[in-house]
């Protein structure tokens, strides 16, 4: 059986506050989070998984972090601006696990 290393999904861009700071995130849906979680990959700080993320025409290397419901993809404000995204917009995401 081949391991799934790339997942695609659509989810809303959210604003979350943690420790007094506000971040833009996209929540990886449960099914896709389960696929990532099942991979035998090296975990980094806070049990994150290194990925290459693509939203629109923007691709970057980052880490998805586990949350209560799955993984969170942090989206820099500049990336959101470059892609003309605002909180609440549905975002098409492709993640390749590195």
PDB file of N, CA and C in Angstrom:
ATOM      1  N   UNK A   1       0.847  -1.184   0.000  1.00  0.00           N
ATOM      2  CA  UNK A   1       0.000   0.000   0.000  1.00  0.00           C
ATOM      3  C   UNK A   1       0.895   1.250   0.000  1.00  0.00           C
ATOM      4  N   UNK A   2       0.621   2.181  -0.911  1.00  0.00           N
ATOM      5  CA  UNK A   2       1.409   3.410  -1.004  1.00  0.00           C
ATOM      6  C   UNK A   2       0.969   4.400   0.067  1.00  0.00           C
ATOM      7  N   UNK A   3       1.938   5.109   0.613  1.00  0.00           N
ATOM      8  CA  UNK A   3       1.621   6.137   1.602  1.00  0.00           C
ATOM      9  C   UNK A   3       1.160   7.406   0.898  1.00  0.00           C
ATOM     10  N   UNK A   4       0.113   8.011   1.406  1.00  0.00           N
ATOM     11  CA  UNK A   4      -0.372   9.278   0.868  1.00  0.00           C
ATOM     12  C   UNK A   4       0.525  10.383   1.419  1.00  0.00           C
ATOM     13  N   UNK A   5       1.162  11.132   0.519  1.00  0.00           N
ATOM     14  CA  UNK A   5       2.025  12.217   0.979  1.00  0.00           C
ATOM     15  C   UNK A   5       1.500  13.572   0.539  1.00  0.00           C
ATOM     16  N   UNK A   6       0.416  13.591  -0.231  1.00  0.00           N
ATOM     17  CA  UNK A   6      -0.165  14.854  -0.684  1.00  0.00           C
ATOM     18  C   UNK A   6      -1.666  14.811  -0.432  1.00  0.00           C
ATOM     19  N   UNK A   7      -2.171  15.873   0.174  1.00  0.00           N
ATOM     20  CA  UNK A   7      -3.609  15.982   0.404  1.00  0.00           C
ATOM     21  C   UNK A   7      -4.094  17.330  -0.129  1.00  0.00           C
ATOM     22  N   UNK A   8      -5.325  17.332  -0.582  1.00  0.00           N
ATOM     23  CA  UNK A   8      -5.976  18.559  -1.061  1.00  0.00           C
ATOM     24  C   UNK A   8      -7.301  18.700  -0.327  1.00  0.00           C
ATOM     25  N   UNK A   9      -7.651  19.952  -0.028  1.00  0.00           N
ATOM     26  CA  UNK A   9      -8.912  20.205   0.657  1.00  0.00           C
ATOM     27  C   UNK A   9      -9.260  21.678   0.516  1.00  0.00           C
ATOM     28  N   UNK A  10     -10.477  22.007   0.875  1.00  0.00           N
ATOM     29  CA  UNK A  10     -10.927  23.391   0.938  1.00  0.00           C
ATOM     30  C   UNK A  10     -11.490  23.629   2.328  1.00  0.00           C
ATOM     31  N   UNK A  11     -11.115  24.756   2.906  1.00  0.00           N
ATOM     32  CA  UNK A  11     -11.579  25.102   4.255  1.00  0.00           C
ATOM     33  C   UNK A  11     -11.504  26.617   4.406  1.00  0.00           C
ATOM     34  N   UNK A  12     -12.263  27.184   5.348  1.00  0.00           N
ATOM     35  CA  UNK A  12     -12.249  28.635   5.514  1.00  0.00           C
ATOM     36  C   UNK A  12     -10.969  29.139   6.185  1.00  0.00           C
ATOM     37  N   UNK A  13     -10.576  30.338   5.807  1.00  0.00           N
ATOM     38  CA  UNK A  13      -9.485  31.040   6.489  1.00  0.00           C
ATOM     39  C   UNK A  13     -10.062  31.600   7.786  1.00  0.00           C
ATOM     40  N   UNK A  14      -9.392  31.301   8.896  1.00  0.00           N
ATOM     41  CA  UNK A  14      -9.879  31.724  10.204  1.00  0.00           C
ATOM     42  C   UNK A  14      -8.859  32.622  10.889  1.00  0.00           C
ATOM     43  N   UNK A  15      -9.343  33.375  11.835  1.00  0.00           N
ATOM     44  CA  UNK A  15      -8.498  34.183  12.703  1.00  0.00           C
ATOM     45  C   UNK A  15      -8.606  33.599  14.100  1.00  0.00           C
ATOM     46  N   UNK A  16      -7.458  33.230  14.683  1.00  0.00           N
ATOM     47  CA  UNK A  16      -7.465  32.686  16.037  1.00  0.00           C
ATOM     48  C   UNK A  16      -6.498  33.473  16.900  1.00  0.00           C
ATOM     49  N   UNK A  17      -6.825  33.585  18.173  1.00  0.00           N
ATOM     50  CA  UNK A  17      -5.966  34.286  19.126  1.00  0.00           C
ATOM     51  C   UNK A  17      -5.387  33.270  20.088  1.00  0.00           C
ATOM     52  N   UNK A  18      -4.074  33.374  20.281  1.00  0.00           N
ATOM     53  CA  UNK A  18      -3.385  32.479  21.200  1.00  0.00           C
ATOM     54  C   UNK A  18      -2.273  33.265  21.878  1.00  0.00           C
ATOM     55  N   UNK A  19      -2.284  33.273  23.186  1.00  0.00           N
ATOM     56  CA  UNK A  19      -1.225  33.955  23.923  1.00  0.00           C
ATOM     57  C   UNK A  19      -1.153  35.441  23.634  1.00  0.00           C
ATOM     58  N   UNK A  20      -2.284  36.057  23.357  1.00  0.00           N
ATOM     59  CA  UNK A  20      -2.321  37.488  23.096  1.00  0.00           C
ATOM     60  C   UNK A  20      -2.008  37.881  21.663  1.00  0.00           C
ATOM     61  N   UNK A  21      -1.672  36.913  20.811  1.00  0.00           N
ATOM     62  CA  UNK A  21      -1.398  37.198  19.397  1.00  0.00           C
ATOM     63  C   UNK A  21      -2.505  36.603  18.536  1.00  0.00           C
ATOM     64  N   UNK A  22      -2.748  37.223  17.395  1.00  0.00           N
ATOM     65  CA  UNK A  22      -3.764  36.744  16.470  1.00  0.00           C
ATOM     66  C   UNK A  22      -3.084  36.184  15.226  1.00  0.00           C
ATOM     67  N   UNK A  23      -3.551  35.019  14.795  1.00  0.00           N
ATOM     68  CA  UNK A  23      -2.971  34.322  13.656  1.00  0.00           C
ATOM     69  C   UNK A  23      -4.056  33.992  12.643  1.00  0.00           C
ATOM     70  N   UNK A  24      -3.660  33.894  11.381  1.00  0.00           N
ATOM     71  CA  UNK A  24      -4.539  33.390  10.339  1.00  0.00           C
ATOM     72  C   UNK A  24      -4.227  31.909  10.167  1.00  0.00           C
ATOM     73  N   UNK A  25      -5.257  31.082  10.140  1.00  0.00           N
ATOM     74  CA  UNK A  25      -5.058  29.638  10.011  1.00  0.00           C
ATOM     75  C   UNK A  25      -6.119  29.045   9.092  1.00  0.00           C
ATOM     76  N   UNK A  26      -5.769  27.883   8.550  1.00  0.00           N
ATOM     77  CA  UNK A  26      -6.726  27.027   7.864  1.00  0.00           C
ATOM     78  C   UNK A  26      -6.669  25.695   8.593  1.00  0.00           C
ATOM     79  N   UNK A  27      -7.827  25.209   9.014  1.00  0.00           N
ATOM     80  CA  UNK A  27      -7.887  23.920   9.715  1.00  0.00           C
ATOM     81  C   UNK A  27      -7.921  22.800   8.679  1.00  0.00           C
ATOM     82  N   UNK A  28      -6.989  21.864   8.811  1.00  0.00           N
ATOM     83  CA  UNK A  28      -6.979  20.698   7.937  1.00  0.00           C
ATOM     84  C   UNK A  28      -8.127  19.796   8.388  1.00  0.00           C
ATOM     85  N   UNK A  29      -9.045  19.427   7.472  1.00  0.00           N
ATOM     86  CA  UNK A  29     -10.196  18.600   7.868  1.00  0.00           C
ATOM     87  C   UNK A  29      -9.758  17.269   8.495  1.00  0.00           C
ATOM     88  N   UNK A  30     -10.659  16.668   9.251  1.00  0.00           N
ATOM     89  CA  UNK A  30     -10.353  15.462  10.029  1.00  0.00           C
ATOM     90  C   UNK A  30      -9.807  14.327   9.164  1.00  0.00           C
ATOM     91  N   UNK A  31     -10.446  14.034   8.035  1.00  0.00           N
ATOM     92  CA  UNK A  31      -9.982  12.912   7.207  1.00  0.00           C
ATOM     93  C   UNK A  31      -8.559  13.136   6.704  1.00  0.00           C
ATOM     94  N   UNK A  32      -8.266  14.345   6.233  1.00  0.00           N
ATOM     95  CA  UNK A  32      -6.930  14.653   5.738  1.00  0.00           C
ATOM     96  C   UNK A  32      -5.921  14.696   6.890  1.00  0.00           C
ATOM     97  N   UNK A  33      -6.355  15.200   8.048  1.00  0.00           N
ATOM     98  CA  UNK A  33      -5.484  15.199   9.229  1.00  0.00           C
ATOM     99  C   UNK A  33      -5.121  13.776   9.628  1.00  0.00           C
ATOM    100  N   UNK A  34      -6.092  12.868   9.566  1.00  0.00           N
ATOM    101  CA  UNK A  34      -5.829  11.466   9.902  1.00  0.00           C
ATOM    102  C   UNK A  34      -4.798  10.862   8.950  1.00  0.00           C
ATOM    103  N   UNK A  35      -4.892  11.193   7.649  1.00  0.00           N
ATOM    104  CA  UNK A  35      -3.914  10.687   6.682  1.00  0.00           C
ATOM    105  C   UNK A  35      -2.510  11.171   7.030  1.00  0.00           C
ATOM    106  N   UNK A  36      -2.399  12.450   7.366  1.00  0.00           N
ATOM    107  CA  UNK A  36      -1.089  13.018   7.729  1.00  0.00           C
ATOM    108  C   UNK A  36      -0.590  12.390   9.026  1.00  0.00           C
ATOM    109  N   UNK A  37      -1.474  12.264   9.987  1.00  0.00           N
ATOM    110  CA  UNK A  37      -1.102  11.741  11.301  1.00  0.00           C
ATOM    111  C   UNK A  37      -0.599  10.300  11.225  1.00  0.00           C
ATOM    112  N   UNK A  38      -1.102   9.530  10.260  1.00  0.00           N
ATOM    113  CA  UNK A  38      -0.728   8.123  10.118  1.00  0.00           C
ATOM    114  C   UNK A  38       0.618   7.916   9.435  1.00  0.00           C
ATOM    115  N   UNK A  39       1.183   8.972   8.855  1.00  0.00           N
ATOM    116  CA  UNK A  39       2.456   8.824   8.148  1.00  0.00           C
ATOM    117  C   UNK A  39       3.612   8.658   9.123  1.00  0.00           C
ATOM    118  N   UNK A  40       4.547   7.784   8.785  1.00  0.00           N
ATOM    119  CA  UNK A  40       5.723   7.596   9.639  1.00  0.00           C
ATOM    120  C   UNK A  40       6.773   8.667   9.344  1.00  0.00           C
ATOM    121  N   UNK A  41       6.510   9.886   9.771  1.00  0.00           N
ATOM    122  CA  UNK A  41       7.419  11.002   9.505  1.00  0.00           C
ATOM    123  C   UNK A  41       7.975  11.540  10.809  1.00  0.00           C
ATOM    124  N   UNK A  42       9.114  12.188  10.698  1.00  0.00           N
ATOM    125  CA  UNK A  42       9.739  12.811  11.855  1.00  0.00           C
ATOM    126  C   UNK A  42       8.890  13.986  12.302  1.00  0.00           C
ATOM    127  N   UNK A  43       8.560  14.033  13.573  1.00  0.00           N
ATOM    128  CA  UNK A  43       7.810  15.150  14.137  1.00  0.00           C
ATOM    129  C   UNK A  43       8.794  16.192  14.632  1.00  0.00           C
ATOM    130  N   UNK A  44       8.454  17.448  14.431  1.00  0.00           N
ATOM    131  CA  UNK A  44       9.289  18.551  14.903  1.00  0.00           C
ATOM    132  C   UNK A  44       8.612  19.178  16.118  1.00  0.00           C
ATOM    133  N   UNK A  45       9.078  20.335  16.571  1.00  0.00           N
ATOM    134  CA  UNK A  45       8.541  20.983  17.767  1.00  0.00           C
ATOM    135  C   UNK A  45       7.027  21.001  17.823  1.00  0.00           C
ATOM    136  N   UNK A  46       6.490  20.762  18.997  1.00  0.00           N
ATOM    137  CA  UNK A  46       5.047  20.725  19.252  1.00  0.00           C
ATOM    138  C   UNK A  46       4.346  19.654  18.419  1.00  0.00           C
ATOM    139  N   UNK A  47       5.086  18.614  18.035  1.00  0.00           N
ATOM    140  CA  UNK A  47       4.574  17.480  17.251  1.00  0.00           C
ATOM    141  C   UNK A  47       4.110  17.884  15.848  1.00  0.00           C
ATOM    142  N   UNK A  48       4.699  18.957  15.309  1.00  0.00           N
ATOM    143  CA  UNK A  48       4.365  19.410  13.969  1.00  0.00           C
ATOM    144  C   UNK A  48       4.912  18.496  12.896  1.00  0.00           C
ATOM    145  N   UNK A  49       4.342  18.626  11.700  1.00  0.00           N
ATOM    146  CA  UNK A  49       4.762  17.863  10.533  1.00  0.00           C
ATOM    147  C   UNK A  49       5.168  18.860   9.447  1.00  0.00           C
ATOM    148  N   UNK A  50       6.371  18.678   8.899  1.00  0.00           N
ATOM    149  CA  UNK A  50       6.846  19.583   7.842  1.00  0.00           C
ATOM    150  C   UNK A  50       6.111  19.293   6.540  1.00  0.00           C
ATOM    151  N   UNK A  51       5.673  20.364   5.888  1.00  0.00           N
ATOM    152  CA  UNK A  51       4.927  20.244   4.639  1.00  0.00           C
ATOM    153  C   UNK A  51       5.339  21.347   3.668  1.00  0.00           C
ATOM    154  N   UNK A  52       4.979  21.148   2.423  1.00  0.00           N
ATOM    155  CA  UNK A  52       4.995  22.223   1.442  1.00  0.00           C
ATOM    156  C   UNK A  52       3.524  22.536   1.183  1.00  0.00           C
ATOM    157  N   UNK A  53       3.142  23.789   1.400  1.00  0.00           N
ATOM    158  CA  UNK A  53       1.743  24.205   1.264  1.00  0.00           C
ATOM    159  C   UNK A  53       1.574  25.055   0.021  1.00  0.00           C
ATOM    160  N   UNK A  54       0.451  24.874  -0.668  1.00  0.00           N
ATOM    161  CA  UNK A  54       0.108  25.709  -1.814  1.00  0.00           C
ATOM    162  C   UNK A  54      -1.306  26.220  -1.646  1.00  0.00           C
ATOM    163  N   UNK A  55      -1.428  27.543  -1.750  1.00  0.00           N
ATOM    164  CA  UNK A  55      -2.724  28.211  -1.794  1.00  0.00           C
ATOM    165  C   UNK A  55      -2.668  29.126  -3.000  1.00  0.00           C
ATOM    166  N   UNK A  56      -3.550  28.895  -3.958  1.00  0.00           N
ATOM    167  CA  UNK A  56      -3.528  29.706  -5.184  1.00  0.00           C
ATOM    168  C   UNK A  56      -2.204  29.522  -5.910  1.00  0.00           C
ATOM    169  N   UNK A  57      -1.509  30.641  -6.156  1.00  0.00           N
ATOM    170  CA  UNK A  57      -0.218  30.586  -6.851  1.00  0.00           C
ATOM    171  C   UNK A  57       0.950  30.664  -5.880  1.00  0.00           C
ATOM    172  N   UNK A  58       0.663  30.628  -4.588  1.00  0.00           N
ATOM    173  CA  UNK A  58       1.699  30.765  -3.561  1.00  0.00           C
ATOM    174  C   UNK A  58       2.021  29.401  -2.952  1.00  0.00           C
ATOM    175  N   UNK A  59       3.307  29.039  -2.983  1.00  0.00           N
ATOM    176  CA  UNK A  59       3.785  27.790  -2.393  1.00  0.00           C
ATOM    177  C   UNK A  59       4.910  28.114  -1.433  1.00  0.00           C
ATOM    178  N   UNK A  60       4.895  27.466  -0.251  1.00  0.00           N
ATOM    179  CA  UNK A  60       5.948  27.688   0.729  1.00  0.00           C
ATOM    180  C   UNK A  60       6.117  26.447   1.600  1.00  0.00           C
ATOM    181  N   UNK A  61       7.302  26.327   2.209  1.00  0.00           N
ATOM    182  CA  UNK A  61       7.570  25.243   3.154  1.00  0.00           C
ATOM    183  C   UNK A  61       7.243  25.740   4.556  1.00  0.00           C
ATOM    184  N   UNK A  62       6.553  24.888   5.304  1.00  0.00           N
ATOM    185  CA  UNK A  62       6.100  25.269   6.632  1.00  0.00           C
ATOM    186  C   UNK A  62       5.864  24.010   7.469  1.00  0.00           C
ATOM    187  N   UNK A  63       5.216  24.170   8.576  1.00  0.00           N
ATOM    188  CA  UNK A  63       4.866  23.059   9.460  1.00  0.00           C
ATOM    189  C   UNK A  63       3.386  23.169   9.799  1.00  0.00           C
ATOM    190  N   UNK A  64       2.683  22.035   9.765  1.00  0.00           N
ATOM    191  CA  UNK A  64       1.311  22.003  10.279  1.00  0.00           C
ATOM    192  C   UNK A  64       1.388  21.470  11.702  1.00  0.00           C
ATOM    193  N   UNK A  65       0.587  22.056  12.570  1.00  0.00           N
ATOM    194  CA  UNK A  65       0.628  21.719  13.991  1.00  0.00           C
ATOM    195  C   UNK A  65      -0.664  21.054  14.424  1.00  0.00           C
ATOM    196  N   UNK A  66      -0.560  20.027  15.293  1.00  0.00           N
ATOM    197  CA  UNK A  66      -1.780  19.365  15.752  1.00  0.00           C
ATOM    198  C   UNK A  66      -2.622  20.277  16.635  1.00  0.00           C
ATOM    199  N   UNK A  67      -3.914  20.112  16.496  1.00  0.00           N
ATOM    200  CA  UNK A  67      -4.904  20.848  17.275  1.00  0.00           C
ATOM    201  C   UNK A  67      -5.914  19.810  17.774  1.00  0.00           C
ATOM    202  N   UNK A  68      -6.893  20.222  18.515  1.00  0.00           N
ATOM    203  CA  UNK A  68      -7.899  19.292  19.047  1.00  0.00           C
ATOM    204  C   UNK A  68      -8.616  18.511  17.949  1.00  0.00           C
ATOM    205  N   UNK A  69      -8.827  19.150  16.797  1.00  0.00           N
ATOM    206  CA  UNK A  69      -9.619  18.534  15.736  1.00  0.00           C
ATOM    207  C   UNK A  69      -8.787  18.027  14.567  1.00  0.00           C
ATOM    208  N   UNK A  70      -7.495  18.225  14.574  1.00  0.00           N
ATOM    209  CA  UNK A  70      -6.647  17.819  13.457  1.00  0.00           C
ATOM    210  C   UNK A  70      -5.394  18.667  13.429  1.00  0.00           C
ATOM    211  N   UNK A  71      -5.016  19.123  12.248  1.00  0.00           N
ATOM    212  CA  UNK A  71      -3.847  19.981  12.103  1.00  0.00           C
ATOM    213  C   UNK A  71      -4.259  21.390  11.709  1.00  0.00           C
ATOM    214  N   UNK A  72      -3.411  22.358  12.065  1.00  0.00           N
ATOM    215  CA  UNK A  72      -3.598  23.758  11.677  1.00  0.00           C
ATOM    216  C   UNK A  72      -2.475  24.176  10.744  1.00  0.00           C
ATOM    217  N   UNK A  73      -2.834  24.865   9.674  1.00  0.00           N
ATOM    218  CA  UNK A  73      -1.873  25.473   8.761  1.00  0.00           C
ATOM    219  C   UNK A  73      -1.870  26.974   9.033  1.00  0.00           C
ATOM    220  N   UNK A  74      -0.748  27.498   9.493  1.00  0.00           N
ATOM    221  CA  UNK A  74      -0.628  28.941   9.693  1.00  0.00           C
ATOM    222  C   UNK A  74      -0.430  29.612   8.342  1.00  0.00           C
ATOM    223  N   UNK A  75      -1.114  30.730   8.128  1.00  0.00           N
ATOM    224  CA  UNK A  75      -1.008  31.480   6.876  1.00  0.00           C
ATOM    225  C   UNK A  75      -0.546  32.889   7.212  1.00  0.00           C
ATOM    226  N   UNK A  76       0.626  33.249   6.723  1.00  0.00           N
ATOM    227  CA  UNK A  76       1.153  34.593   6.974  1.00  0.00           C
ATOM    228  C   UNK A  76       0.219  35.630   6.349  1.00  0.00           C
ATOM    229  N   UNK A  77       0.097  36.759   7.007  1.00  0.00           N
ATOM    230  CA  UNK A  77      -0.775  37.827   6.487  1.00  0.00           C
ATOM    231  C   UNK A  77      -0.369  38.247   5.074  1.00  0.00           C
ATOM    232  N   UNK A  78       0.939  38.282   4.813  1.00  0.00           N
ATOM    233  CA  UNK A  78       1.399  38.659   3.474  1.00  0.00           C
ATOM    234  C   UNK A  78       0.911  37.651   2.434  1.00  0.00           C
ATOM    235  N   UNK A  79       0.943  36.363   2.774  1.00  0.00           N
ATOM    236  CA  UNK A  79       0.454  35.345   1.828  1.00  0.00           C
ATOM    237  C   UNK A  79      -1.044  35.517   1.593  1.00  0.00           C
ATOM    238  N   UNK A  80      -1.789  35.798   2.646  1.00  0.00           N
ATOM    239  CA  UNK A  80      -3.229  36.018   2.497  1.00  0.00           C
ATOM    240  C   UNK A  80      -3.490  37.243   1.623  1.00  0.00           C
ATOM    241  N   UNK A  81      -2.726  38.301   1.847  1.00  0.00           N
ATOM    242  CA  UNK A  81      -2.870  39.517   1.042  1.00  0.00           C
ATOM    243  C   UNK A  81      -2.502  39.245  -0.409  1.00  0.00           C
ATOM    244  N   UNK A  82      -1.393  38.543  -0.624  1.00  0.00           N
ATOM    245  CA  UNK A  82      -0.956  38.224  -1.991  1.00  0.00           C
ATOM    246  C   UNK A  82      -2.016  37.434  -2.756  1.00  0.00           C
ATOM    247  N   UNK A  83      -2.778  36.617  -2.044  1.00  0.00           N
ATOM    248  CA  UNK A  83      -3.819  35.797  -2.679  1.00  0.00           C
ATOM    249  C   UNK A  83      -5.211  36.434  -2.570  1.00  0.00           C
ATOM    250  N   UNK A  84      -5.271  37.679  -2.083  1.00  0.00           N
ATOM    251  CA  UNK A  84      -6.543  38.411  -1.934  1.00  0.00           C
ATOM    252  C   UNK A  84      -7.545  37.666  -1.054  1.00  0.00           C
ATOM    253  N   UNK A  85      -7.053  37.109   0.055  1.00  0.00           N
ATOM    254  CA  UNK A  85      -7.904  36.354   0.965  1.00  0.00           C
ATOM    255  C   UNK A  85      -8.231  37.176   2.201  1.00  0.00           C
ATOM    256  N   UNK A  86      -9.445  37.011   2.684  1.00  0.00           N
ATOM    257  CA  UNK A  86      -9.846  37.612   3.947  1.00  0.00           C
ATOM    258  C   UNK A  86     -10.460  36.524   4.818  1.00  0.00           C
ATOM    259  N   UNK A  87     -10.530  36.783   6.107  1.00  0.00           N
ATOM    260  CA  UNK A  87     -11.100  35.822   7.046  1.00  0.00           C
ATOM    261  C   UNK A  87     -12.504  35.438   6.583  1.00  0.00           C
ATOM    262  N   UNK A  88     -12.759  34.142   6.576  1.00  0.00           N
ATOM    263  CA  UNK A  88     -14.052  33.622   6.132  1.00  0.00           C
ATOM    264  C   UNK A  88     -14.032  33.085   4.719  1.00  0.00           C
ATOM    265  N   UNK A  89     -13.048  33.501   3.909  1.00  0.00           N
ATOM    266  CA  UNK A  89     -12.947  32.990   2.543  1.00  0.00           C
ATOM    267  C   UNK A  89     -12.636  31.494   2.563  1.00  0.00           C
ATOM    268  N   UNK A  90     -13.261  30.772   1.650  1.00  0.00           N
ATOM    269  CA  UNK A  90     -12.950  29.347   1.497  1.00  0.00           C
ATOM    270  C   UNK A  90     -11.671  29.238   0.674  1.00  0.00           C
ATOM    271  N   UNK A  91     -10.709  28.470   1.183  1.00  0.00           N
ATOM    272  CA  UNK A  91      -9.377  28.404   0.605  1.00  0.00           C
ATOM    273  C   UNK A  91      -9.107  26.995   0.102  1.00  0.00           C
ATOM    274  N   UNK A  92      -8.655  26.881  -1.152  1.00  0.00           N
ATOM    275  CA  UNK A  92      -8.209  25.593  -1.679  1.00  0.00           C
ATOM    276  C   UNK A  92      -6.753  25.410  -1.312  1.00  0.00           C
ATOM    277  N   UNK A  93      -6.440  24.291  -0.652  1.00  0.00           N
ATOM    278  CA  UNK A  93      -5.106  24.034  -0.133  1.00  0.00           C
ATOM    279  C   UNK A  93      -4.593  22.704  -0.641  1.00  0.00           C
ATOM    280  N   UNK A  94      -3.316  22.655  -1.002  1.00  0.00           N
ATOM    281  CA  UNK A  94      -2.621  21.404  -1.287  1.00  0.00           C
ATOM    282  C   UNK A  94      -1.451  21.320  -0.331  1.00  0.00           C
ATOM    283  N   UNK A  95      -1.310  20.197   0.361  1.00  0.00           N
ATOM    284  CA  UNK A  95      -0.201  19.979   1.281  1.00  0.00           C
ATOM    285  C   UNK A  95       0.577  18.757   0.823  1.00  0.00           C
ATOM    286  N   UNK A  96       1.879  18.884   0.715  1.00  0.00           N
ATOM    287  CA  UNK A  96       2.758  17.753   0.452  1.00  0.00           C
ATOM    288  C   UNK A  96       3.603  17.544   1.686  1.00  0.00           C
ATOM    289  N   UNK A  97       3.512  16.365   2.283  1.00  0.00           N
ATOM    290  CA  UNK A  97       4.299  16.072   3.475  1.00  0.00           C
ATOM    291  C   UNK A  97       5.732  15.842   3.052  1.00  0.00           C
ATOM    292  N   UNK A  98       6.648  16.512   3.754  1.00  0.00           N
ATOM    293  CA  UNK A  98       8.072  16.423   3.408  1.00  0.00           C
ATOM    294  C   UNK A  98       8.778  15.380   4.255  1.00  0.00           C
TER     295      UNK A  98
END
